[in-house]
PDB file of N, CA and C in Angstrom:
ATOM      1  N   MET A   1      79.371 116.776 106.041  1.00  0.00           N
ATOM      2  CA  MET A   1      80.249 115.638 105.866  1.00  0.00           C
ATOM      3  C   MET A   1      81.700 116.128 105.833  1.00  0.00           C
ATOM      4  N   ALA A   2      82.578 115.404 106.484  1.00  0.00           N
ATOM      5  CA  ALA A   2      83.985 115.797 106.571  1.00  0.00           C
ATOM      6  C   ALA A   2      84.694 115.525 105.239  1.00  0.00           C
ATOM      7  N   PRO A   3      85.694 116.341 104.896  1.00  0.00           N
ATOM      8  CA  PRO A   3      86.440 116.117 103.658  1.00  0.00           C
ATOM      9  C   PRO A   3      87.016 114.702 103.545  1.00  0.00           C
ATOM     10  N   GLU A   4      87.480 114.171 104.683  1.00  0.00           N
ATOM     11  CA  GLU A   4      88.040 112.810 104.685  1.00  0.00           C
ATOM     12  C   GLU A   4      86.981 111.790 104.276  1.00  0.00           C
ATOM     13  N   ASP A   5      85.759 111.970 104.748  1.00  0.00           N
ATOM     14  CA  ASP A   5      84.676 111.050 104.417  1.00  0.00           C
ATOM     15  C   ASP A   5      84.353 111.098 102.921  1.00  0.00           C
ATOM     16  N   ILE A   6      84.292 112.281 102.366  1.00  0.00           N
ATOM     17  CA  ILE A   6      84.008 112.421 100.942  1.00  0.00           C
ATOM     18  C   ILE A   6      85.104 111.752 100.131  1.00  0.00           C
ATOM     19  N   ASP A   7      86.363 112.040 100.470  1.00  0.00           N
ATOM     20  CA  ASP A   7      87.469 111.459  99.722  1.00  0.00           C
ATOM     21  C   ASP A   7      87.519 109.951  99.856  1.00  0.00           C
ATOM     22  N   SER A   8      87.246 109.431 101.041  1.00  0.00           N
ATOM     23  CA  SER A   8      87.234 107.974 101.247  1.00  0.00           C
ATOM     24  C   SER A   8      86.135 107.305 100.409  1.00  0.00           C
ATOM     25  N   CYS A   9      84.967 107.913 100.398  1.00  0.00           N
ATOM     26  CA  CYS A   9      83.858 107.353  99.604  1.00  0.00           C
ATOM     27  C   CYS A   9      84.226 107.285  98.127  1.00  0.00           C
ATOM     28  N   MET A  10      84.840 108.324  97.629  1.00  0.00           N
ATOM     29  CA  MET A  10      85.144 108.383  96.218  1.00  0.00           C
ATOM     30  C   MET A  10      86.336 107.516  95.816  1.00  0.00           C
ATOM     31  N   THR A  11      87.334 107.385  96.709  1.00  0.00           N
ATOM     32  CA  THR A  11      88.471 106.532  96.374  1.00  0.00           C
ATOM     33  C   THR A  11      88.132 105.065  96.536  1.00  0.00           C
ATOM     34  N   LEU A  12      87.431 104.743  97.615  1.00  0.00           N
ATOM     35  CA  LEU A  12      87.098 103.338  97.862  1.00  0.00           C
ATOM     36  C   LEU A  12      85.876 102.877  97.065  1.00  0.00           C
ATOM     37  N   GLY A  13      84.872 103.735  96.974  1.00  0.00           N
ATOM     38  CA  GLY A  13      83.622 103.351  96.333  1.00  0.00           C
ATOM     39  C   GLY A  13      83.594 103.555  94.833  1.00  0.00           C
ATOM     40  N   ALA A  14      84.252 104.605  94.361  1.00  0.00           N
ATOM     41  CA  ALA A  14      84.207 104.920  92.928  1.00  0.00           C
ATOM     42  C   ALA A  14      85.534 104.642  92.225  1.00  0.00           C
ATOM     43  N   GLY A  15      86.533 104.234  92.982  1.00  0.00           N
ATOM     44  CA  GLY A  15      87.808 103.873  92.377  1.00  0.00           C
ATOM     45  C   GLY A  15      88.641 105.067  91.894  1.00  0.00           C
ATOM     46  N   MET A  16      88.334 106.243  92.389  1.00  0.00           N
ATOM     47  CA  MET A  16      89.135 107.417  91.996  1.00  0.00           C
ATOM     48  C   MET A  16      90.516 107.332  92.659  1.00  0.00           C
ATOM     49  N   PRO A  17      91.572 107.700  91.968  1.00  0.00           N
ATOM     50  CA  PRO A  17      92.902 107.634  92.570  1.00  0.00           C
ATOM     51  C   PRO A  17      93.113 108.697  93.642  1.00  0.00           C
ATOM     52  N   LEU A  18      92.347 109.784  93.569  1.00  0.00           N
ATOM     53  CA  LEU A  18      92.451 110.868  94.527  1.00  0.00           C
ATOM     54  C   LEU A  18      91.029 111.425  94.721  1.00  0.00           C
ATOM     55  N   GLY A  19      90.662 111.650  95.961  1.00  0.00           N
ATOM     56  CA  GLY A  19      89.319 112.149  96.220  1.00  0.00           C
ATOM     57  C   GLY A  19      89.145 113.587  95.719  1.00  0.00           C
ATOM     58  N   PRO A  20      87.921 114.018  95.501  1.00  0.00           N
ATOM     59  CA  PRO A  20      87.681 115.357  94.953  1.00  0.00           C
ATOM     60  C   PRO A  20      88.133 116.516  95.843  1.00  0.00           C
ATOM     61  N   VAL A  21      88.030 116.352  97.146  1.00  0.00           N
ATOM     62  CA  VAL A  21      88.453 117.413  98.059  1.00  0.00           C
ATOM     63  C   VAL A  21      89.979 117.496  98.071  1.00  0.00           C
ATOM     64  N   ALA A  22      90.640 116.358  98.125  1.00  0.00           N
ATOM     65  CA  ALA A  22      92.106 116.340  98.051  1.00  0.00           C
ATOM     66  C   ALA A  22      92.589 116.910  96.726  1.00  0.00           C
ATOM     67  N   LEU A  23      91.855 116.645  95.654  1.00  0.00           N
ATOM     68  CA  LEU A  23      92.211 117.178  94.351  1.00  0.00           C
ATOM     69  C   LEU A  23      92.105 118.708  94.323  1.00  0.00           C
ATOM     70  N   LEU A  24      91.085 119.240  94.974  1.00  0.00           N
ATOM     71  CA  LEU A  24      90.946 120.704  95.074  1.00  0.00           C
ATOM     72  C   LEU A  24      92.169 121.298  95.777  1.00  0.00           C
ATOM     73  N   ASP A  25      92.579 120.682  96.881  1.00  0.00           N
ATOM     74  CA  ASP A  25      93.773 121.151  97.596  1.00  0.00           C
ATOM     75  C   ASP A  25      95.021 121.040  96.720  1.00  0.00           C
ATOM     76  N   PHE A  26      95.118 119.978  95.945  1.00  0.00           N
ATOM     77  CA  PHE A  26      96.296 119.762  95.099  1.00  0.00           C
ATOM     78  C   PHE A  26      96.370 120.818  93.994  1.00  0.00           C
ATOM     79  N   VAL A  27      95.243 121.088  93.353  1.00  0.00           N
ATOM     80  CA  VAL A  27      95.200 122.077  92.278  1.00  0.00           C
ATOM     81  C   VAL A  27      95.396 123.480  92.805  1.00  0.00           C
ATOM     82  N   GLY A  28      94.829 123.726  93.973  1.00  0.00           N
ATOM     83  CA  GLY A  28      94.860 125.062  94.570  1.00  0.00           C
ATOM     84  C   GLY A  28      93.437 125.584  94.650  1.00  0.00           C
ATOM     85  N   LEU A  29      93.048 125.974  95.846  1.00  0.00           N
ATOM     86  CA  LEU A  29      91.679 126.435  96.035  1.00  0.00           C
ATOM     87  C   LEU A  29      91.390 127.718  95.267  1.00  0.00           C
ATOM     88  N   ASP A  30      92.394 128.584  95.127  1.00  0.00           N
ATOM     89  CA  ASP A  30      92.205 129.799  94.343  1.00  0.00           C
ATOM     90  C   ASP A  30      91.997 129.492  92.871  1.00  0.00           C
ATOM     91  N   VAL A  31      92.755 128.533  92.361  1.00  0.00           N
ATOM     92  CA  VAL A  31      92.601 128.118  90.965  1.00  0.00           C
ATOM     93  C   VAL A  31      91.232 127.471  90.760  1.00  0.00           C
ATOM     94  N   SER A  32      90.850 126.604  91.688  1.00  0.00           N
ATOM     95  CA  SER A  32      89.551 125.934  91.599  1.00  0.00           C
ATOM     96  C   SER A  32      88.406 126.952  91.642  1.00  0.00           C
ATOM     97  N   MET A  33      88.529 127.966  92.489  1.00  0.00           N
ATOM     98  CA  MET A  33      87.505 128.992  92.575  1.00  0.00           C
ATOM     99  C   MET A  33      87.426 129.804  91.271  1.00  0.00           C
ATOM    100  N   ALA A  34      88.566 130.126  90.716  1.00  0.00           N
ATOM    101  CA  ALA A  34      88.594 130.880  89.459  1.00  0.00           C
ATOM    102  C   ALA A  34      87.974 130.078  88.313  1.00  0.00           C
ATOM    103  N   ILE A  35      88.198 128.780  88.297  1.00  0.00           N
ATOM    104  CA  ILE A  35      87.602 127.922  87.273  1.00  0.00           C
ATOM    105  C   ILE A  35      86.079 127.953  87.416  1.00  0.00           C
ATOM    106  N   GLY A  36      85.600 127.763  88.657  1.00  0.00           N
ATOM    107  CA  GLY A  36      84.158 127.791  88.887  1.00  0.00           C
ATOM    108  C   GLY A  36      83.544 129.115  88.464  1.00  0.00           C
ATOM    109  N   GLU A  37      84.184 130.216  88.819  1.00  0.00           N
ATOM    110  CA  GLU A  37      83.671 131.526  88.464  1.00  0.00           C
ATOM    111  C   GLU A  37      83.652 131.729  86.943  1.00  0.00           C
ATOM    112  N   SER A  38      84.718 131.265  86.262  1.00  0.00           N
ATOM    113  CA  SER A  38      84.771 131.425  84.815  1.00  0.00           C
ATOM    114  C   SER A  38      83.695 130.589  84.102  1.00  0.00           C
ATOM    115  N   LEU A  39      83.313 129.486  84.717  1.00  0.00           N
ATOM    116  CA  LEU A  39      82.243 128.652  84.165  1.00  0.00           C
ATOM    117  C   LEU A  39      80.861 129.086  84.647  1.00  0.00           C
ATOM    118  N   GLN A  40      80.843 130.149  85.449  1.00  0.00           N
ATOM    119  CA  GLN A  40      79.615 130.697  86.029  1.00  0.00           C
ATOM    120  C   GLN A  40      78.860 129.664  86.864  1.00  0.00           C
ATOM    121  N   VAL A  41      79.650 128.897  87.620  1.00  0.00           N
ATOM    122  CA  VAL A  41      79.102 127.896  88.537  1.00  0.00           C
ATOM    123  C   VAL A  41      79.134 128.498  89.935  1.00  0.00           C
ATOM    124  N   PRO A  42      78.064 128.368  90.716  1.00  0.00           N
ATOM    125  CA  PRO A  42      78.114 128.903  92.075  1.00  0.00           C
ATOM    126  C   PRO A  42      79.254 128.275  92.883  1.00  0.00           C
ATOM    127  N   VAL A  43      80.081 129.115  93.464  1.00  0.00           N
ATOM    128  CA  VAL A  43      81.216 128.641  94.259  1.00  0.00           C
ATOM    129  C   VAL A  43      80.757 128.510  95.707  1.00  0.00           C
ATOM    130  N   PRO A  44      80.967 127.342  96.332  1.00  0.00           N
ATOM    131  CA  PRO A  44      80.543 127.161  97.722  1.00  0.00           C
ATOM    132  C   PRO A  44      81.182 128.187  98.658  1.00  0.00           C
ATOM    133  N   ARG A  45      80.401 128.635  99.614  1.00  0.00           N
ATOM    134  CA  ARG A  45      80.855 129.658 100.541  1.00  0.00           C
ATOM    135  C   ARG A  45      82.126 129.242 101.288  1.00  0.00           C
ATOM    136  N   LEU A  46      82.214 127.974 101.683  1.00  0.00           N
ATOM    137  CA  LEU A  46      83.396 127.513 102.412  1.00  0.00           C
ATOM    138  C   LEU A  46      84.652 127.677 101.559  1.00  0.00           C
ATOM    139  N   LEU A  47      84.556 127.417 100.271  1.00  0.00           N
ATOM    140  CA  LEU A  47      85.712 127.572  99.380  1.00  0.00           C
ATOM    141  C   LEU A  47      86.124 129.038  99.316  1.00  0.00           C
ATOM    142  N   VAL A  48      85.161 129.939  99.199  1.00  0.00           N
ATOM    143  CA  VAL A  48      85.449 131.371  99.177  1.00  0.00           C
ATOM    144  C   VAL A  48      86.105 131.795 100.477  1.00  0.00           C
ATOM    145  N   GLU A  49      85.593 131.329 101.604  1.00  0.00           N
ATOM    146  CA  GLU A  49      86.150 131.688 102.910  1.00  0.00           C
ATOM    147  C   GLU A  49      87.580 131.200 103.058  1.00  0.00           C
ATOM    148  N   LEU A  50      87.865 129.987 102.613  1.00  0.00           N
ATOM    149  CA  LEU A  50      89.238 129.465 102.707  1.00  0.00           C
ATOM    150  C   LEU A  50      90.188 130.309 101.841  1.00  0.00           C
ATOM    151  N   VAL A  51      89.770 130.627 100.626  1.00  0.00           N
ATOM    152  CA  VAL A  51      90.607 131.441  99.748  1.00  0.00           C
ATOM    153  C   VAL A  51      90.850 132.819 100.342  1.00  0.00           C
ATOM    154  N   GLU A  52      89.799 133.449 100.863  1.00  0.00           N
ATOM    155  CA  GLU A  52      89.956 134.774 101.471  1.00  0.00           C
ATOM    156  C   GLU A  52      90.876 134.746 102.697  1.00  0.00           C
ATOM    157  N   ALA A  53      90.912 133.609 103.395  1.00  0.00           N
ATOM    158  CA  ALA A  53      91.779 133.466 104.566  1.00  0.00           C
ATOM    159  C   ALA A  53      93.221 133.119 104.180  1.00  0.00           C
ATOM    160  N   GLY A  54      93.464 132.892 102.887  1.00  0.00           N
ATOM    161  CA  GLY A  54      94.803 132.555 102.428  1.00  0.00           C
ATOM    162  C   GLY A  54      95.117 131.071 102.502  1.00  0.00           C
ATOM    163  N   SER A  55      94.118 130.259 102.789  1.00  0.00           N
ATOM    164  CA  SER A  55      94.290 128.794 102.829  1.00  0.00           C
ATOM    165  C   SER A  55      94.006 128.277 101.424  1.00  0.00           C
ATOM    166  N   LEU A  56      95.052 128.113 100.645  1.00  0.00           N
ATOM    167  CA  LEU A  56      94.901 127.790  99.227  1.00  0.00           C
ATOM    168  C   LEU A  56      95.179 126.326  98.892  1.00  0.00           C
ATOM    169  N   GLY A  57      95.401 125.514  99.893  1.00  0.00           N
ATOM    170  CA  GLY A  57      95.686 124.099  99.642  1.00  0.00           C
ATOM    171  C   GLY A  57      97.136 123.786  99.908  1.00  0.00           C
ATOM    172  N   ARG A  58      97.662 122.812  99.185  1.00  0.00           N
ATOM    173  CA  ARG A  58      99.043 122.349  99.407  1.00  0.00           C
ATOM    174  C   ARG A  58     100.070 123.475  99.306  1.00  0.00           C
ATOM    175  N   LYS A  59      99.877 124.397  98.389  1.00  0.00           N
ATOM    176  CA  LYS A  59     100.903 125.423  98.173  1.00  0.00           C
ATOM    177  C   LYS A  59     101.075 126.364  99.350  1.00  0.00           C
ATOM    178  N   THR A  60     100.063 126.458 100.250  1.00  0.00           N
ATOM    179  CA  THR A  60     100.203 127.299 101.410  1.00  0.00           C
ATOM    180  C   THR A  60     100.278 126.482 102.701  1.00  0.00           C
ATOM    181  N   GLY A  61     100.148 125.164 102.576  1.00  0.00           N
ATOM    182  CA  GLY A  61     100.230 124.304 103.752  1.00  0.00           C
ATOM    183  C   GLY A  61      98.903 124.021 104.417  1.00  0.00           C
ATOM    184  N   ALA A  62      97.839 124.641 103.917  1.00  0.00           N
ATOM    185  CA  ALA A  62      96.502 124.403 104.497  1.00  0.00           C
ATOM    186  C   ALA A  62      95.416 124.746 103.471  1.00  0.00           C
ATOM    187  N   GLY A  63      94.387 123.952 103.518  1.00  0.00           N
ATOM    188  CA  GLY A  63      93.210 124.152 102.689  1.00  0.00           C
ATOM    189  C   GLY A  63      92.101 123.416 103.382  1.00  0.00           C
ATOM    190  N   PHE A  64      91.528 122.432 102.720  1.00  0.00           N
ATOM    191  CA  PHE A  64      90.588 121.550 103.403  1.00  0.00           C
ATOM    192  C   PHE A  64      91.350 120.632 104.352  1.00  0.00           C
ATOM    193  N   TYR A  65      92.602 120.354 104.016  1.00  0.00           N
ATOM    194  CA  TYR A  65      93.520 119.548 104.847  1.00  0.00           C
ATOM    195  C   TYR A  65      94.682 120.426 105.275  1.00  0.00           C
ATOM    196  N   ARG A  66      95.412 119.984 106.282  1.00  0.00           N
ATOM    197  CA  ARG A  66      96.662 120.654 106.688  1.00  0.00           C
ATOM    198  C   ARG A  66      97.837 119.834 106.179  1.00  0.00           C
ATOM    199  N   TYR A  67      98.844 120.541 105.687  1.00  0.00           N
ATOM    200  CA  TYR A  67     100.055 119.904 105.162  1.00  0.00           C
ATOM    201  C   TYR A  67     101.243 120.467 105.907  1.00  0.00           C
ATOM    202  N   ASP A  68     101.941 119.594 106.607  1.00  0.00           N
ATOM    203  CA  ASP A  68     103.105 120.034 107.387  1.00  0.00           C
ATOM    204  C   ASP A  68     104.387 119.773 106.655  1.00  0.00           C
TER     205      ASP A  68
END
């Protein structure tokens, strides 16, 4: 499922002001990954790959979304 689809479902269907994938980009994928690791929650492979590639979300201009 595309990030846009997940965010649309949660904003339109659940009334969230910001979808969960957009929230990850806003917080920072590196920060989100560190939180998951500290809670000993399995971190999705895609998240690890994005962080390793330097795509950390809004602060770098790219994450799950691109920011120009």
